[in-house]
Amino acid sequence: MGSRRDGIARATRAPVPRALNIARVVPAAGASSYSLAVTRDRRGRGIRGPLVARRLPISTSPADRFDRIASSAIEHVEHRWREQLADVEFAVDLVPSGDVDAANPAMDGAIESAGVLLAQILPGKGRRPTHIVLYRKPIELRARGVEDLEDLVHDIVVQVIANYLGLEPDVVDPGFGPAS
């Protein structure tokens, strides 16, 4: 029943196993077996869930927010220049891979600030399309808030598309520039 130490009877308990929720995952087409998905239920208080509902703005990551802002800015300009931008793909990267070298021919049309790339045009080779890459971290670090980030991303997108098309930014987007 228990152990005796110093004349006091103590009840011994068997160790309680941790609760594991095991769910069967249906195999994908062509897979031969089932796999088990195991989630922890610490201290029997229930499965951990999301802290914030998905529909609330706090549940989106900074990368998702930047992608949404960049997509909106690109769509705003692209609808007007759809034919000229048909062979261009837009991308977002975290940071540029190296230093800005103005002598490099790949830097033609790039947007930089204080020696840091904000956007770059990567020409297509052969059948590969041209890529316009926006660099998320350098752009975010130059913005003071969400509205400032939206304006900055829009201006950078307009400038890099203007560089690609060989036009002035105010021709690409008549609303470009500081608001008066």
C-alpha atoms as a PDB file:
ATOM      1  CA  MET A   1       0.000   0.000   0.000  1.00  0.00           C
ATOM      2  CA  GLY A   2       2.700   2.454   0.821  1.00  0.00           C
ATOM      3  CA  SER A   3       6.202   2.811   2.112  1.00  0.00           C
ATOM      4  CA  ARG A   4       7.126   3.403   5.692  1.00  0.00           C
ATOM      5  CA  ARG A   5       9.684   5.911   6.586  1.00  0.00           C
ATOM      6  CA  ASP A   6      10.132   7.257  10.030  1.00  0.00           C
ATOM      7  CA  GLY A   7       6.924   5.600  11.140  1.00  0.00           C
ATOM      8  CA  ILE A   8       4.774   7.555   8.653  1.00  0.00           C
ATOM      9  CA  ALA A   9       2.815   5.647   6.046  1.00  0.00           C
ATOM     10  CA  ARG A  10       2.919   7.264   2.651  1.00  0.00           C
ATOM     11  CA  ALA A  11       0.851   6.279  -0.281  1.00  0.00           C
ATOM     12  CA  THR A  12       2.851   5.601  -3.400  1.00  0.00           C
ATOM     13  CA  ARG A  13       1.371   6.434  -6.710  1.00  0.00           C
ATOM     14  CA  ALA A  14       2.166   4.932 -10.008  1.00  0.00           C
ATOM     15  CA  PRO A  15       3.558   7.488 -12.454  1.00  0.00           C
ATOM     16  CA  VAL A  16       0.805   8.997 -14.534  1.00  0.00           C
ATOM     17  CA  PRO A  17       1.532   8.742 -18.254  1.00  0.00           C
ATOM     18  CA  ARG A  18       1.345  11.903 -20.294  1.00  0.00           C
ATOM     19  CA  ALA A  19      -1.814  12.189 -22.283  1.00  0.00           C
ATOM     20  CA  LEU A  20      -1.281  11.857 -26.002  1.00  0.00           C
ATOM     21  CA  ASN A  21      -3.936  12.372 -28.574  1.00  0.00           C
ATOM     22  CA  ILE A  22      -3.355  10.040 -31.450  1.00  0.00           C
ATOM     23  CA  ALA A  23      -5.262  10.614 -34.640  1.00  0.00           C
ATOM     24  CA  ARG A  24      -5.093   8.536 -37.737  1.00  0.00           C
ATOM     25  CA  VAL A  25      -4.154  10.458 -40.846  1.00  0.00           C
ATOM     26  CA  VAL A  26      -5.626   9.125 -44.047  1.00  0.00           C
ATOM     27  CA  PRO A  27      -2.830   8.258 -46.483  1.00  0.00           C
ATOM     28  CA  ALA A  28      -2.389  10.333 -49.607  1.00  0.00           C
ATOM     29  CA  ALA A  29      -3.244   8.785 -52.949  1.00  0.00           C
ATOM     30  CA  GLY A  30      -0.690   6.126 -53.735  1.00  0.00           C
ATOM     31  CA  ALA A  31       0.656   5.896 -50.170  1.00  0.00           C
ATOM     32  CA  SER A  32       0.788   2.435 -48.688  1.00  0.00           C
ATOM     33  CA  SER A  33       0.257   3.003 -44.973  1.00  0.00           C
ATOM     34  CA  TYR A  34      -1.325   5.220 -42.385  1.00  0.00           C
ATOM     35  CA  SER A  35       0.746   7.583 -40.305  1.00  0.00           C
ATOM     36  CA  LEU A  36       0.019   8.758 -36.810  1.00  0.00           C
ATOM     37  CA  ALA A  37      -0.257  12.399 -35.879  1.00  0.00           C
ATOM     38  CA  VAL A  38       0.601  12.878 -32.214  1.00  0.00           C
ATOM     39  CA  THR A  39      -0.168  16.082 -30.346  1.00  0.00           C
ATOM     40  CA  ARG A  40       0.589  16.725 -26.695  1.00  0.00           C
ATOM     41  CA  ASP A  41      -2.010  17.401 -24.057  1.00  0.00           C
ATOM     42  CA  ARG A  42       0.160  18.726 -21.251  1.00  0.00           C
ATOM     43  CA  ARG A  43      -1.136  18.188 -17.750  1.00  0.00           C
ATOM     44  CA  GLY A  44      -4.552  17.124 -18.993  1.00  0.00           C
ATOM     45  CA  ARG A  45      -5.772  20.663 -19.703  1.00  0.00           C
ATOM     46  CA  GLY A  46      -6.725  20.103 -23.301  1.00  0.00           C
ATOM     47  CA  ILE A  47      -5.059  20.508 -26.651  1.00  0.00           C
ATOM     48  CA  ARG A  48      -3.309  23.779 -27.308  1.00  0.00           C
ATOM     49  CA  GLY A  49      -5.059  25.889 -29.884  1.00  0.00           C
ATOM     50  CA  PRO A  50      -4.513  29.171 -31.620  1.00  0.00           C
ATOM     51  CA  LEU A  51      -4.230  32.133 -29.280  1.00  0.00           C
ATOM     52  CA  VAL A  52      -5.932  34.481 -31.730  1.00  0.00           C
ATOM     53  CA  ALA A  53      -8.678  33.816 -34.251  1.00  0.00           C
ATOM     54  CA  ARG A  54      -7.390  33.637 -37.831  1.00  0.00           C
ATOM     55  CA  ARG A  55      -9.629  36.474 -39.003  1.00  0.00           C
ATOM     56  CA  LEU A  56      -8.011  39.010 -36.650  1.00  0.00           C
ATOM     57  CA  PRO A  57      -5.130  41.102 -38.024  1.00  0.00           C
ATOM     58  CA  ILE A  58      -2.766  40.096 -35.220  1.00  0.00           C
ATOM     59  CA  SER A  59      -2.789  36.502 -36.442  1.00  0.00           C
ATOM     60  CA  THR A  60      -1.039  37.365 -39.720  1.00  0.00           C
ATOM     61  CA  SER A  61       2.727  37.260 -39.796  1.00  0.00           C
ATOM     62  CA  PRO A  62       4.804  40.223 -40.975  1.00  0.00           C
ATOM     63  CA  ALA A  63       5.693  38.259 -44.107  1.00  0.00           C
ATOM     64  CA  ASP A  64       2.001  37.663 -44.888  1.00  0.00           C
ATOM     65  CA  ARG A  65       1.204  41.333 -44.293  1.00  0.00           C
ATOM     66  CA  PHE A  66       4.053  42.423 -46.590  1.00  0.00           C
ATOM     67  CA  ASP A  67       2.963  39.961 -49.297  1.00  0.00           C
ATOM     68  CA  ARG A  68      -0.576  41.358 -49.132  1.00  0.00           C
ATOM     69  CA  ILE A  69       0.680  44.953 -49.374  1.00  0.00           C
ATOM     70  CA  ALA A  70       3.032  44.102 -52.254  1.00  0.00           C
ATOM     71  CA  SER A  71       0.301  42.215 -54.135  1.00  0.00           C
ATOM     72  CA  SER A  72      -2.042  45.162 -53.774  1.00  0.00           C
ATOM     73  CA  ALA A  73       0.590  47.622 -55.053  1.00  0.00           C
ATOM     74  CA  ILE A  74       1.478  45.377 -57.997  1.00  0.00           C
ATOM     75  CA  GLU A  75      -2.177  44.868 -58.966  1.00  0.00           C
ATOM     76  CA  HIS A  76      -2.759  48.630 -58.792  1.00  0.00           C
ATOM     77  CA  VAL A  77      -0.053  49.251 -61.404  1.00  0.00           C
ATOM     78  CA  GLU A  78      -0.230  45.997 -63.371  1.00  0.00           C
ATOM     79  CA  HIS A  79      -3.818  46.404 -64.587  1.00  0.00           C
ATOM     80  CA  ARG A  80      -2.688  49.406 -66.645  1.00  0.00           C
ATOM     81  CA  TRP A  81       0.462  47.766 -68.092  1.00  0.00           C
ATOM     82  CA  ARG A  82      -0.709  44.154 -68.369  1.00  0.00           C
ATOM     83  CA  GLU A  83       0.584  43.571 -71.914  1.00  0.00           C
ATOM     84  CA  GLN A  84       4.047  45.025 -71.227  1.00  0.00           C
ATOM     85  CA  LEU A  85       4.359  43.058 -67.974  1.00  0.00           C
ATOM     86  CA  ALA A  86       3.091  39.747 -69.367  1.00  0.00           C
ATOM     87  CA  ASP A  87       6.562  38.140 -69.267  1.00  0.00           C
ATOM     88  CA  VAL A  88       7.459  39.495 -65.803  1.00  0.00           C
ATOM     89  CA  GLU A  89       7.122  37.625 -62.521  1.00  0.00           C
ATOM     90  CA  PHE A  90       7.134  39.437 -59.201  1.00  0.00           C
ATOM     91  CA  ALA A  91       8.763  37.973 -56.108  1.00  0.00           C
ATOM     92  CA  VAL A  92       9.477  38.914 -52.505  1.00  0.00           C
ATOM     93  CA  ASP A  93      12.723  37.915 -50.840  1.00  0.00           C
ATOM     94  CA  LEU A  94      13.790  38.515 -47.261  1.00  0.00           C
ATOM     95  CA  VAL A  95      17.093  40.333 -47.891  1.00  0.00           C
ATOM     96  CA  PRO A  96      19.361  40.911 -50.887  1.00  0.00           C
ATOM     97  CA  SER A  97      22.165  38.422 -51.316  1.00  0.00           C
ATOM     98  CA  GLY A  98      25.078  40.863 -51.505  1.00  0.00           C
ATOM     99  CA  ASP A  99      26.327  44.405 -51.663  1.00  0.00           C
ATOM    100  CA  VAL A 100      25.222  46.903 -54.269  1.00  0.00           C
ATOM    101  CA  ASP A 101      27.729  47.049 -57.126  1.00  0.00           C
ATOM    102  CA  ALA A 102      26.748  49.798 -59.566  1.00  0.00           C
ATOM    103  CA  ALA A 103      29.135  48.402 -62.209  1.00  0.00           C
ATOM    104  CA  ASN A 104      27.228  45.103 -62.319  1.00  0.00           C
ATOM    105  CA  PRO A 105      24.920  45.010 -65.385  1.00  0.00           C
ATOM    106  CA  ALA A 106      22.322  43.103 -63.334  1.00  0.00           C
ATOM    107  CA  MET A 107      21.910  46.269 -61.246  1.00  0.00           C
ATOM    108  CA  ASP A 108      20.294  48.196 -64.101  1.00  0.00           C
ATOM    109  CA  GLY A 109      16.908  49.372 -62.888  1.00  0.00           C
ATOM    110  CA  ALA A 110      17.526  48.387 -59.262  1.00  0.00           C
ATOM    111  CA  ILE A 111      16.154  50.549 -56.458  1.00  0.00           C
ATOM    112  CA  GLU A 112      18.552  51.121 -53.576  1.00  0.00           C
ATOM    113  CA  SER A 113      18.736  53.270 -50.478  1.00  0.00           C
ATOM    114  CA  ALA A 114      22.005  54.035 -48.663  1.00  0.00           C
ATOM    115  CA  GLY A 115      23.741  51.184 -50.491  1.00  0.00           C
ATOM    116  CA  VAL A 116      21.058  48.594 -49.678  1.00  0.00           C
ATOM    117  CA  LEU A 117      18.891  47.042 -52.381  1.00  0.00           C
ATOM    118  CA  LEU A 118      15.153  47.522 -51.979  1.00  0.00           C
ATOM    119  CA  ALA A 119      14.110  46.053 -55.347  1.00  0.00           C
ATOM    120  CA  GLN A 120      15.900  44.530 -58.291  1.00  0.00           C
ATOM    121  CA  ILE A 121      15.167  43.477 -61.862  1.00  0.00           C
ATOM    122  CA  LEU A 122      16.607  40.064 -62.710  1.00  0.00           C
ATOM    123  CA  PRO A 123      16.554  39.672 -66.506  1.00  0.00           C
ATOM    124  CA  GLY A 124      15.207  36.429 -67.887  1.00  0.00           C
ATOM    125  CA  LYS A 125      17.518  34.086 -69.741  1.00  0.00           C
ATOM    126  CA  GLY A 126      16.252  32.015 -72.645  1.00  0.00           C
ATOM    127  CA  ARG A 127      12.665  31.025 -71.982  1.00  0.00           C
ATOM    128  CA  ARG A 128      12.793  32.066 -68.314  1.00  0.00           C
ATOM    129  CA  PRO A 129      10.800  35.218 -67.486  1.00  0.00           C
ATOM    130  CA  THR A 130      12.207  38.413 -66.026  1.00  0.00           C
ATOM    131  CA  HIS A 131      11.815  38.659 -62.248  1.00  0.00           C
ATOM    132  CA  ILE A 132      11.236  41.818 -60.267  1.00  0.00           C
ATOM    133  CA  VAL A 133      12.238  41.129 -56.666  1.00  0.00           C
ATOM    134  CA  LEU A 134      11.210  43.229 -53.663  1.00  0.00           C
ATOM    135  CA  TYR A 135      13.352  42.819 -50.539  1.00  0.00           C
ATOM    136  CA  ARG A 136      11.095  42.749 -47.487  1.00  0.00           C
ATOM    137  CA  LYS A 137      13.383  43.538 -44.524  1.00  0.00           C
ATOM    138  CA  PRO A 138      15.162  46.594 -45.997  1.00  0.00           C
ATOM    139  CA  ILE A 139      11.800  48.046 -47.036  1.00  0.00           C
ATOM    140  CA  GLU A 140      10.152  47.337 -43.664  1.00  0.00           C
ATOM    141  CA  LEU A 141      13.061  48.927 -41.794  1.00  0.00           C
ATOM    142  CA  ARG A 142      12.530  52.175 -43.701  1.00  0.00           C
ATOM    143  CA  ALA A 143       8.812  52.413 -42.887  1.00  0.00           C
ATOM    144  CA  ARG A 144       7.457  53.984 -39.690  1.00  0.00           C
ATOM    145  CA  GLY A 145       4.110  52.194 -39.681  1.00  0.00           C
ATOM    146  CA  VAL A 146       1.697  50.198 -41.793  1.00  0.00           C
ATOM    147  CA  GLU A 147       0.456  53.189 -43.805  1.00  0.00           C
ATOM    148  CA  ASP A 148       4.026  54.326 -44.422  1.00  0.00           C
ATOM    149  CA  LEU A 149       4.918  50.776 -45.486  1.00  0.00           C
ATOM    150  CA  GLU A 150       2.004  50.689 -47.941  1.00  0.00           C
ATOM    151  CA  ASP A 151       3.098  54.013 -49.484  1.00  0.00           C
ATOM    152  CA  LEU A 152       6.743  52.959 -49.626  1.00  0.00           C
ATOM    153  CA  VAL A 153       5.996  49.611 -51.262  1.00  0.00           C
ATOM    154  CA  HIS A 154       3.715  51.317 -53.800  1.00  0.00           C
ATOM    155  CA  ASP A 155       6.403  53.884 -54.665  1.00  0.00           C
ATOM    156  CA  ILE A 156       9.093  51.205 -55.010  1.00  0.00           C
ATOM    157  CA  VAL A 157       6.848  49.046 -57.228  1.00  0.00           C
ATOM    158  CA  VAL A 158       6.065  52.044 -59.461  1.00  0.00           C
ATOM    159  CA  GLN A 159       9.753  53.005 -59.693  1.00  0.00           C
ATOM    160  CA  VAL A 160      10.994  49.520 -60.528  1.00  0.00           C
ATOM    161  CA  ILE A 161       8.254  48.980 -63.143  1.00  0.00           C
ATOM    162  CA  ALA A 162       9.094  52.395 -64.637  1.00  0.00           C
ATOM    163  CA  ASN A 163      12.769  51.369 -64.789  1.00  0.00           C
ATOM    164  CA  TYR A 164      11.819  48.092 -66.457  1.00  0.00           C
ATOM    165  CA  LEU A 165       9.597  49.806 -69.052  1.00  0.00           C
ATOM    166  CA  GLY A 166      12.011  52.713 -69.568  1.00  0.00           C
ATOM    167  CA  LEU A 167       9.405  55.295 -68.560  1.00  0.00           C
ATOM    168  CA  GLU A 168       9.076  57.968 -65.907  1.00  0.00           C
ATOM    169  CA  PRO A 169       7.305  56.867 -62.685  1.00  0.00           C
ATOM    170  CA  ASP A 170       4.536  59.462 -63.104  1.00  0.00           C
ATOM    171  CA  VAL A 171       3.737  57.975 -66.540  1.00  0.00           C
ATOM    172  CA  VAL A 172       3.449  54.481 -65.052  1.00  0.00           C
ATOM    173  CA  ASP A 173       1.187  55.701 -62.235  1.00  0.00           C
ATOM    174  CA  PRO A 174      -0.235  59.225 -62.485  1.00  0.00           C
ATOM    175  CA  GLY A 175      -0.733  59.290 -58.700  1.00  0.00           C
ATOM    176  CA  PHE A 176       2.978  58.672 -58.065  1.00  0.00           C
ATOM    177  CA  GLY A 177       4.937  61.058 -55.873  1.00  0.00           C
ATOM    178  CA  PRO A 178       4.202  63.053 -52.774  1.00  0.00           C
ATOM    179  CA  ALA A 179       0.594  63.986 -52.154  1.00  0.00           C
ATOM    180  CA  SER A 180      -0.058  67.701 -52.352  1.00  0.00           C
END
